[in-house]
Amino acid sequence: MYRLQLHIRVGQNIVPQIQPGVMTKRFHAFIFSVIQRIDPQFAVDLHNRKKRQLFSFFIDEDRILIHSPNKRVIQCLQQGLFEVERIDLRDWKGRIQEMHCKQIHESDIEAAFSTYVTLHFLTPTTFCHGKIYYPLPELYRVFTSANKAYEMATDLMVPPEQLQAIAYRIRIDYLNLQSKQVNFDSFRINGFTGKLELSLKTLTDQEQQLAWKLLVYGSLMGIGYKTAWGMGQTRIEPFEQKHFSNSR
C-alpha cells in the first residue's frame, strides 16, 4: 500500500478545505488527467475497471492524501504532479509545495496492532447495495468494504461467513455520528461522519489480527461507496498516530 502526500498552498480568497461533492468529483477527473498524460493506456484501463477503483483521496486544509495499493498509480502521479506543479479545479486552486511518498508494509500494520480501535469517519460515508444507500456503520458492511481493500493490497479475500462471524462479535464501545448529504450536482447521497470506537477483545487472537488488518487497509482506501470521489475517507487510531504523527 502507498500513501502520496501533497502539501498544498491554496490560492487567496479560496476556502482551504474541500468538502466531498462536485469539487472532489473534479479532483477525481484531475487525477485521471495526470495519469493519462504519463501513461494513456494505463489511464484507460483504470477508467474501464469494473472492480473498486485503485485509488482514493482525502483533501485536508493544506494537504492531500492519495492512497493506492498499485505502484504504477503512484509512479504516474508522482511524475505527472511534478510536471504540473499546481491543481486547478476551477473554483479551487492550489500549488504543490511538497510531495512525499510512503510505502506501507504489512509489517507496519502488524507492528501497530491494538485491540482497541477508533475509526474517525472524516468525510460522509455510506454503503450501496442494489441502488439502495445504507448511511449507517453496520459492522458487517464496514468489514465487507474493508475486505475489498484488503484483497487489492494482499491478493487475499476473507470469506463472507468469516467476516460475518468477526463483525457480529466485536464490541462497540462508543458511537457518535452526524448525518450529512453530499451533492454531486446531478445527484445527492446521504452519508454519515463521526467516531466509532471498537474493542476486538471478544475475538480470538487470530481473529483480532485479521480484523485489525482489514480495518487498517479499509481506512487507508476508504470505507463504503464512492471512495474514489472523496467519500468514506477514514482515519484509524492508533495506526495513524504511530506511523504518521509527524507527517503534517
C-alpha atoms as a PDB file:
ATOM      1  CA  MET A   1       0.000   0.000   0.000  1.00  0.00           C
ATOM      2  CA  TYR A   2       1.240   3.503  -0.812  1.00  0.00           C
ATOM      3  CA  ARG A   3       0.465   6.959   0.524  1.00  0.00           C
ATOM      4  CA  LEU A   4       1.264  10.001  -1.602  1.00  0.00           C
ATOM      5  CA  GLN A   5       1.093  13.162   0.482  1.00  0.00           C
ATOM      6  CA  LEU A   6       0.925  16.568  -1.169  1.00  0.00           C
ATOM      7  CA  HIS A   7       1.431  19.773   0.780  1.00  0.00           C
ATOM      8  CA  ILE A   8      -0.625  22.495  -0.857  1.00  0.00           C
ATOM      9  CA  ARG A   9      -0.637  26.282  -0.767  1.00  0.00           C
ATOM     10  CA  VAL A  10      -4.184  27.313  -1.559  1.00  0.00           C
ATOM     11  CA  GLY A  11      -4.873  30.431  -3.612  1.00  0.00           C
ATOM     12  CA  GLN A  12      -6.106  33.636  -1.990  1.00  0.00           C
ATOM     13  CA  ASN A  13      -9.820  34.065  -1.235  1.00  0.00           C
ATOM     14  CA  ILE A  14     -10.370  30.311  -1.559  1.00  0.00           C
ATOM     15  CA  VAL A  15     -11.806  28.105   1.184  1.00  0.00           C
ATOM     16  CA  PRO A  16      -8.896  25.758   2.078  1.00  0.00           C
ATOM     17  CA  GLN A  17     -10.766  22.526   2.751  1.00  0.00           C
ATOM     18  CA  ILE A  18     -12.841  20.890   0.038  1.00  0.00           C
ATOM     19  CA  GLN A  19     -15.967  19.034   1.088  1.00  0.00           C
ATOM     20  CA  PRO A  20     -16.980  15.911  -0.889  1.00  0.00           C
ATOM     21  CA  GLY A  21     -19.197  16.726  -3.823  1.00  0.00           C
ATOM     22  CA  VAL A  22     -18.686  18.491  -7.129  1.00  0.00           C
ATOM     23  CA  MET A  23     -15.138  19.581  -6.250  1.00  0.00           C
ATOM     24  CA  THR A  24     -13.936  16.115  -5.259  1.00  0.00           C
ATOM     25  CA  LYS A  25     -15.535  14.743  -8.413  1.00  0.00           C
ATOM     26  CA  ARG A  26     -13.396  17.259 -10.329  1.00  0.00           C
ATOM     27  CA  PHE A  27     -10.304  16.191  -8.393  1.00  0.00           C
ATOM     28  CA  HIS A  28     -11.055  12.578  -9.359  1.00  0.00           C
ATOM     29  CA  ALA A  29     -11.060  13.694 -13.003  1.00  0.00           C
ATOM     30  CA  PHE A  30      -7.855  15.667 -12.377  1.00  0.00           C
ATOM     31  CA  ILE A  31      -6.115  12.517 -11.111  1.00  0.00           C
ATOM     32  CA  PHE A  32      -7.112  10.685 -14.283  1.00  0.00           C
ATOM     33  CA  SER A  33      -5.845  13.552 -16.443  1.00  0.00           C
ATOM     34  CA  VAL A  34      -2.454  13.413 -14.703  1.00  0.00           C
ATOM     35  CA  ILE A  35      -2.187   9.641 -15.144  1.00  0.00           C
ATOM     36  CA  GLN A  36      -3.323   9.891 -18.770  1.00  0.00           C
ATOM     37  CA  ARG A  37      -0.575  12.402 -19.518  1.00  0.00           C
ATOM     38  CA  ILE A  38       2.052   9.904 -18.320  1.00  0.00           C
ATOM     39  CA  ASP A  39       0.547   6.565 -19.383  1.00  0.00           C
ATOM     40  CA  PRO A  40      -2.557   6.856 -21.630  1.00  0.00           C
ATOM     41  CA  GLN A  41      -3.261   3.135 -21.856  1.00  0.00           C
ATOM     42  CA  PHE A  42      -2.974   2.650 -18.113  1.00  0.00           C
ATOM     43  CA  ALA A  43      -5.449   5.508 -17.622  1.00  0.00           C
ATOM     44  CA  VAL A  44      -7.902   3.798 -19.983  1.00  0.00           C
ATOM     45  CA  ASP A  45      -7.517   0.519 -18.100  1.00  0.00           C
ATOM     46  CA  LEU A  46      -8.180   2.301 -14.806  1.00  0.00           C
ATOM     47  CA  HIS A  47     -11.230   4.075 -16.182  1.00  0.00           C
ATOM     48  CA  ASN A  48     -12.688   0.838 -17.567  1.00  0.00           C
ATOM     49  CA  ARG A  49     -12.021  -1.091 -14.373  1.00  0.00           C
ATOM     50  CA  LYS A  50     -15.150  -2.946 -13.224  1.00  0.00           C
ATOM     51  CA  LYS A  51     -13.980  -3.560  -9.665  1.00  0.00           C
ATOM     52  CA  ARG A  52     -13.307  -0.975  -6.983  1.00  0.00           C
ATOM     53  CA  GLN A  53     -11.079   1.881  -8.140  1.00  0.00           C
ATOM     54  CA  LEU A  54      -7.346   1.601  -7.351  1.00  0.00           C
ATOM     55  CA  PHE A  55      -7.034   4.913  -5.542  1.00  0.00           C
ATOM     56  CA  SER A  56      -8.792   7.102  -3.017  1.00  0.00           C
ATOM     57  CA  PHE A  57      -8.026  10.547  -1.641  1.00  0.00           C
ATOM     58  CA  PHE A  58      -8.651  12.933   1.224  1.00  0.00           C
ATOM     59  CA  ILE A  59      -8.299  16.696   0.805  1.00  0.00           C
ATOM     60  CA  ASP A  60      -7.430  18.487   4.037  1.00  0.00           C
ATOM     61  CA  GLU A  61      -6.791  22.195   4.585  1.00  0.00           C
ATOM     62  CA  ASP A  62      -3.161  22.201   3.446  1.00  0.00           C
ATOM     63  CA  ARG A  63      -2.534  18.692   2.219  1.00  0.00           C
ATOM     64  CA  ILE A  64      -3.935  15.957   0.024  1.00  0.00           C
ATOM     65  CA  LEU A  65      -3.531  12.263   0.817  1.00  0.00           C
ATOM     66  CA  ILE A  66      -3.773   9.779  -2.052  1.00  0.00           C
ATOM     67  CA  HIS A  67      -3.752   6.057  -1.282  1.00  0.00           C
ATOM     68  CA  SER A  68      -3.298   3.163  -3.674  1.00  0.00           C
ATOM     69  CA  PRO A  69      -2.155  -0.462  -3.478  1.00  0.00           C
ATOM     70  CA  ASN A  70      -0.886  -0.087  -7.061  1.00  0.00           C
ATOM     71  CA  LYS A  71       2.678   1.153  -7.540  1.00  0.00           C
ATOM     72  CA  ARG A  72       2.046   2.304 -11.117  1.00  0.00           C
ATOM     73  CA  VAL A  73      -0.743   4.650  -9.986  1.00  0.00           C
ATOM     74  CA  ILE A  74       1.636   6.342  -7.566  1.00  0.00           C
ATOM     75  CA  GLN A  75       4.502   6.485 -10.078  1.00  0.00           C
ATOM     76  CA  CYS A  76       2.313   8.176 -12.688  1.00  0.00           C
ATOM     77  CA  LEU A  77       1.005  10.675 -10.155  1.00  0.00           C
ATOM     78  CA  GLN A  78       4.465  11.492  -8.832  1.00  0.00           C
ATOM     79  CA  GLN A  79       5.816  12.162 -12.314  1.00  0.00           C
ATOM     80  CA  GLY A  80       2.723  13.961 -13.561  1.00  0.00           C
ATOM     81  CA  LEU A  81       2.230  16.163 -10.495  1.00  0.00           C
ATOM     82  CA  PHE A  82       5.898  17.136 -10.541  1.00  0.00           C
ATOM     83  CA  GLU A  83       5.343  18.445 -14.057  1.00  0.00           C
ATOM     84  CA  VAL A  84       2.082  20.339 -13.477  1.00  0.00           C
ATOM     85  CA  GLU A  85       3.029  21.770 -10.048  1.00  0.00           C
ATOM     86  CA  ARG A  86      -0.482  23.122  -9.460  1.00  0.00           C
ATOM     87  CA  ILE A  87      -4.029  21.849  -9.124  1.00  0.00           C
ATOM     88  CA  ASP A  88      -6.826  23.731 -10.857  1.00  0.00           C
ATOM     89  CA  LEU A  89     -10.399  22.680 -10.091  1.00  0.00           C
ATOM     90  CA  ARG A  90     -11.899  25.937 -11.413  1.00  0.00           C
ATOM     91  CA  ASP A  91     -13.387  27.116  -8.105  1.00  0.00           C
ATOM     92  CA  TRP A  92     -10.411  25.838  -6.106  1.00  0.00           C
ATOM     93  CA  LYS A  93      -6.740  26.268  -6.977  1.00  0.00           C
ATOM     94  CA  GLY A  94      -3.620  25.203  -5.141  1.00  0.00           C
ATOM     95  CA  ARG A  95       0.115  24.994  -5.750  1.00  0.00           C
ATOM     96  CA  ILE A  96       2.025  21.861  -4.761  1.00  0.00           C
ATOM     97  CA  GLN A  97       4.731  22.832  -2.269  1.00  0.00           C
ATOM     98  CA  GLU A  98       5.992  19.371  -1.297  1.00  0.00           C
ATOM     99  CA  MET A  99       5.332  15.779  -2.294  1.00  0.00           C
ATOM    100  CA  HIS A 100       6.188  12.723  -0.205  1.00  0.00           C
ATOM    101  CA  CYS A 101       5.598   9.024  -0.841  1.00  0.00           C
ATOM    102  CA  LYS A 102       5.423   6.372   1.860  1.00  0.00           C
ATOM    103  CA  GLN A 103       5.091   2.637   1.294  1.00  0.00           C
ATOM    104  CA  ILE A 104       3.059   0.943   3.996  1.00  0.00           C
ATOM    105  CA  HIS A 105       4.100  -2.667   4.512  1.00  0.00           C
ATOM    106  CA  GLU A 106       2.002  -5.342   6.161  1.00  0.00           C
ATOM    107  CA  SER A 107       4.672  -5.496   8.875  1.00  0.00           C
ATOM    108  CA  ASP A 108       3.959  -1.811   9.647  1.00  0.00           C
ATOM    109  CA  ILE A 109       0.299  -2.647  10.131  1.00  0.00           C
ATOM    110  CA  GLU A 110       1.088  -5.664  12.303  1.00  0.00           C
ATOM    111  CA  ALA A 111       3.503  -3.637  14.461  1.00  0.00           C
ATOM    112  CA  ALA A 112       0.781  -1.089  15.256  1.00  0.00           C
ATOM    113  CA  PHE A 113      -1.745  -3.744  16.336  1.00  0.00           C
ATOM    114  CA  SER A 114      -4.235  -2.808  19.019  1.00  0.00           C
ATOM    115  CA  THR A 115      -7.350  -4.467  20.393  1.00  0.00           C
ATOM    116  CA  TYR A 116      -8.897  -1.014  20.836  1.00  0.00           C
ATOM    117  CA  VAL A 117      -9.676   0.704  17.552  1.00  0.00           C
ATOM    118  CA  THR A 118     -11.046   4.146  16.808  1.00  0.00           C
ATOM    119  CA  LEU A 119     -12.435   4.948  13.378  1.00  0.00           C
ATOM    120  CA  HIS A 120     -12.883   8.614  12.510  1.00  0.00           C
ATOM    121  CA  PHE A 121     -15.202   8.952   9.512  1.00  0.00           C
ATOM    122  CA  LEU A 122     -13.794  12.197   8.108  1.00  0.00           C
ATOM    123  CA  THR A 123     -15.987  12.537   5.031  1.00  0.00           C
ATOM    124  CA  PRO A 124     -19.586  11.369   4.525  1.00  0.00           C
ATOM    125  CA  THR A 125     -19.756   7.593   4.352  1.00  0.00           C
ATOM    126  CA  THR A 126     -22.474   5.335   3.041  1.00  0.00           C
ATOM    127  CA  PHE A 127     -22.907   1.837   1.658  1.00  0.00           C
ATOM    128  CA  CYS A 128     -24.746   0.948  -1.522  1.00  0.00           C
ATOM    129  CA  HIS A 129     -26.420  -2.341  -2.355  1.00  0.00           C
ATOM    130  CA  GLY A 130     -28.870  -2.775  -5.194  1.00  0.00           C
ATOM    131  CA  LYS A 131     -29.084   1.005  -5.725  1.00  0.00           C
ATOM    132  CA  ILE A 132     -30.165   1.450  -2.095  1.00  0.00           C
ATOM    133  CA  TYR A 133     -27.999   3.540   0.237  1.00  0.00           C
ATOM    134  CA  TYR A 134     -27.285   2.488   3.836  1.00  0.00           C
ATOM    135  CA  PRO A 135     -25.829   5.503   5.714  1.00  0.00           C
ATOM    136  CA  LEU A 136     -25.012   3.669   8.964  1.00  0.00           C
ATOM    137  CA  PRO A 137     -21.767   1.947  10.110  1.00  0.00           C
ATOM    138  CA  GLU A 138     -23.209  -1.561  10.353  1.00  0.00           C
ATOM    139  CA  LEU A 139     -20.084  -3.600  11.086  1.00  0.00           C
ATOM    140  CA  TYR A 140     -20.622  -6.342   8.533  1.00  0.00           C
ATOM    141  CA  ARG A 141     -20.861  -3.699   5.790  1.00  0.00           C
ATOM    142  CA  VAL A 142     -17.754  -1.964   7.170  1.00  0.00           C
ATOM    143  CA  PHE A 143     -15.795  -5.224   7.042  1.00  0.00           C
ATOM    144  CA  THR A 144     -17.156  -6.182   3.627  1.00  0.00           C
ATOM    145  CA  SER A 145     -15.901  -2.867   2.253  1.00  0.00           C
ATOM    146  CA  ALA A 146     -12.567  -3.252   4.054  1.00  0.00           C
ATOM    147  CA  ASN A 147     -12.248  -6.755   2.604  1.00  0.00           C
ATOM    148  CA  LYS A 148     -12.159  -5.294  -0.917  1.00  0.00           C
ATOM    149  CA  ALA A 149      -9.251  -3.034   0.030  1.00  0.00           C
ATOM    150  CA  TYR A 150      -7.551  -5.984   1.739  1.00  0.00           C
ATOM    151  CA  GLU A 151      -7.888  -8.053  -1.434  1.00  0.00           C
ATOM    152  CA  MET A 152      -6.425  -5.279  -3.614  1.00  0.00           C
ATOM    153  CA  ALA A 153      -3.427  -4.919  -1.304  1.00  0.00           C
ATOM    154  CA  THR A 154      -2.712  -8.574  -0.481  1.00  0.00           C
ATOM    155  CA  ASP A 155      -4.492 -10.657  -3.161  1.00  0.00           C
ATOM    156  CA  LEU A 156      -6.312 -12.389  -0.297  1.00  0.00           C
ATOM    157  CA  MET A 157     -10.066 -12.395   0.274  1.00  0.00           C
ATOM    158  CA  VAL A 158     -11.733 -13.271   3.573  1.00  0.00           C
ATOM    159  CA  PRO A 159     -14.834 -15.483   3.079  1.00  0.00           C
ATOM    160  CA  PRO A 160     -18.173 -13.753   3.853  1.00  0.00           C
ATOM    161  CA  GLU A 161     -19.054 -16.208   6.619  1.00  0.00           C
ATOM    162  CA  GLN A 162     -15.755 -15.454   8.386  1.00  0.00           C
ATOM    163  CA  LEU A 163     -16.361 -11.712   8.046  1.00  0.00           C
ATOM    164  CA  GLN A 164     -19.821 -12.174   9.498  1.00  0.00           C
ATOM    165  CA  ALA A 165     -18.512 -14.164  12.463  1.00  0.00           C
ATOM    166  CA  ILE A 166     -15.981 -11.410  13.218  1.00  0.00           C
ATOM    167  CA  ALA A 167     -18.321  -8.463  12.715  1.00  0.00           C
ATOM    168  CA  TYR A 168     -21.112  -9.842  14.887  1.00  0.00           C
ATOM    169  CA  ARG A 169     -18.828 -10.437  17.898  1.00  0.00           C
ATOM    170  CA  ILE A 170     -16.958  -7.129  18.002  1.00  0.00           C
ATOM    171  CA  ARG A 171     -17.980  -4.848  20.844  1.00  0.00           C
ATOM    172  CA  ILE A 172     -18.934  -1.247  20.083  1.00  0.00           C
ATOM    173  CA  ASP A 173     -17.686   0.944  22.949  1.00  0.00           C
ATOM    174  CA  TYR A 174     -18.643   4.349  21.579  1.00  0.00           C
ATOM    175  CA  LEU A 175     -20.557   5.775  18.647  1.00  0.00           C
ATOM    176  CA  ASN A 176     -21.168   9.403  17.704  1.00  0.00           C
ATOM    177  CA  LEU A 177     -22.478  10.134  14.213  1.00  0.00           C
ATOM    178  CA  GLN A 178     -23.817  13.062  12.227  1.00  0.00           C
ATOM    179  CA  SER A 179     -25.870  12.746   9.061  1.00  0.00           C
ATOM    180  CA  LYS A 180     -24.509  14.667   6.075  1.00  0.00           C
ATOM    181  CA  GLN A 181     -25.615  14.942   2.472  1.00  0.00           C
ATOM    182  CA  VAL A 182     -23.174  15.070  -0.443  1.00  0.00           C
ATOM    183  CA  ASN A 183     -24.145  16.980  -3.575  1.00  0.00           C
ATOM    184  CA  PHE A 184     -22.566  15.714  -6.800  1.00  0.00           C
ATOM    185  CA  ASP A 185     -24.677  18.168  -8.820  1.00  0.00           C
ATOM    186  CA  SER A 186     -26.546  15.573 -10.858  1.00  0.00           C
ATOM    187  CA  PHE A 187     -27.407  13.507  -7.757  1.00  0.00           C
ATOM    188  CA  ARG A 188     -27.195  13.595  -3.963  1.00  0.00           C
ATOM    189  CA  ILE A 189     -26.111  10.955  -1.452  1.00  0.00           C
ATOM    190  CA  ASN A 190     -26.869  10.808   2.274  1.00  0.00           C
ATOM    191  CA  GLY A 191     -23.958   9.704   4.436  1.00  0.00           C
ATOM    192  CA  PHE A 192     -22.567   9.951   7.948  1.00  0.00           C
ATOM    193  CA  THR A 193     -19.457  11.324   9.623  1.00  0.00           C
ATOM    194  CA  GLY A 194     -18.308  10.791  13.186  1.00  0.00           C
ATOM    195  CA  LYS A 195     -16.450   8.483  15.522  1.00  0.00           C
ATOM    196  CA  LEU A 196     -16.695   4.757  16.204  1.00  0.00           C
ATOM    197  CA  GLU A 197     -14.724   3.007  18.963  1.00  0.00           C
ATOM    198  CA  LEU A 198     -14.397  -0.775  18.867  1.00  0.00           C
ATOM    199  CA  SER A 199     -12.978  -3.481  21.112  1.00  0.00           C
ATOM    200  CA  LEU A 200     -11.584  -6.605  19.450  1.00  0.00           C
ATOM    201  CA  LYS A 201     -11.084  -8.438  22.749  1.00  0.00           C
ATOM    202  CA  THR A 202     -14.160 -10.606  22.182  1.00  0.00           C
ATOM    203  CA  LEU A 203     -12.384 -12.263  19.222  1.00  0.00           C
ATOM    204  CA  THR A 204      -9.735 -14.979  19.199  1.00  0.00           C
ATOM    205  CA  ASP A 205      -6.110 -13.846  18.854  1.00  0.00           C
ATOM    206  CA  GLN A 206      -6.053 -14.825  15.178  1.00  0.00           C
ATOM    207  CA  GLU A 207      -9.348 -13.042  14.505  1.00  0.00           C
ATOM    208  CA  GLN A 208      -8.087  -9.930  16.288  1.00  0.00           C
ATOM    209  CA  GLN A 209      -5.064  -9.726  13.994  1.00  0.00           C
ATOM    210  CA  LEU A 210      -7.202 -10.244  10.895  1.00  0.00           C
ATOM    211  CA  ALA A 211      -9.838  -7.713  11.969  1.00  0.00           C
ATOM    212  CA  TRP A 212      -7.101  -5.150  12.649  1.00  0.00           C
ATOM    213  CA  LYS A 213      -5.553  -5.631   9.198  1.00  0.00           C
ATOM    214  CA  LEU A 214      -8.934  -5.385   7.498  1.00  0.00           C
ATOM    215  CA  LEU A 215      -9.785  -2.156   9.302  1.00  0.00           C
ATOM    216  CA  VAL A 216      -6.408  -0.557   8.548  1.00  0.00           C
ATOM    217  CA  TYR A 217      -6.496  -1.416   4.843  1.00  0.00           C
ATOM    218  CA  GLY A 218     -10.123  -0.319   4.725  1.00  0.00           C
ATOM    219  CA  SER A 219      -9.396   3.006   6.383  1.00  0.00           C
ATOM    220  CA  LEU A 220      -6.487   3.717   4.033  1.00  0.00           C
ATOM    221  CA  MET A 221      -8.562   3.089   0.910  1.00  0.00           C
ATOM    222  CA  GLY A 222     -11.801   4.458   2.343  1.00  0.00           C
ATOM    223  CA  ILE A 223     -14.906   2.747   3.660  1.00  0.00           C
ATOM    224  CA  GLY A 224     -18.078   2.306   1.649  1.00  0.00           C
ATOM    225  CA  TYR A 225     -19.311   3.915  -1.571  1.00  0.00           C
ATOM    226  CA  LYS A 226     -17.652   6.473  -3.911  1.00  0.00           C
ATOM    227  CA  THR A 227     -14.297   6.463  -2.114  1.00  0.00           C
ATOM    228  CA  ALA A 228     -12.552   7.465  -5.362  1.00  0.00           C
ATOM    229  CA  TRP A 229     -14.732  10.601  -5.309  1.00  0.00           C
ATOM    230  CA  GLY A 230     -13.702  11.556  -1.783  1.00  0.00           C
ATOM    231  CA  MET A 231     -16.423   9.856   0.252  1.00  0.00           C
ATOM    232  CA  GLY A 232     -15.762   7.353   3.040  1.00  0.00           C
ATOM    233  CA  GLN A 233     -12.346   8.716   3.989  1.00  0.00           C
ATOM    234  CA  THR A 234     -11.435   7.324   7.378  1.00  0.00           C
ATOM    235  CA  ARG A 235      -8.663   7.803   9.926  1.00  0.00           C
ATOM    236  CA  ILE A 236      -7.858   4.817  12.138  1.00  0.00           C
ATOM    237  CA  GLU A 237      -6.168   5.031  15.522  1.00  0.00           C
ATOM    238  CA  PRO A 238      -3.731   4.051  16.901  1.00  0.00           C
ATOM    239  CA  PHE A 239      -2.254   3.226  13.461  1.00  0.00           C
ATOM    240  CA  GLU A 240      -2.124   6.816  12.180  1.00  0.00           C
ATOM    241  CA  GLN A 241      -0.665   8.140  15.401  1.00  0.00           C
ATOM    242  CA  LYS A 242       2.109   5.537  15.436  1.00  0.00           C
ATOM    243  CA  HIS A 243       3.127   5.883  11.780  1.00  0.00           C
ATOM    244  CA  PHE A 244       2.158   9.359  10.602  1.00  0.00           C
ATOM    245  CA  SER A 245       2.049  11.613  13.673  1.00  0.00           C
ATOM    246  CA  ASN A 246       4.897  13.767  12.288  1.00  0.00           C
ATOM    247  CA  SER A 247       3.817  13.784   8.639  1.00  0.00           C
ATOM    248  CA  ARG A 248       1.817  17.008   8.581  1.00  0.00           C
END
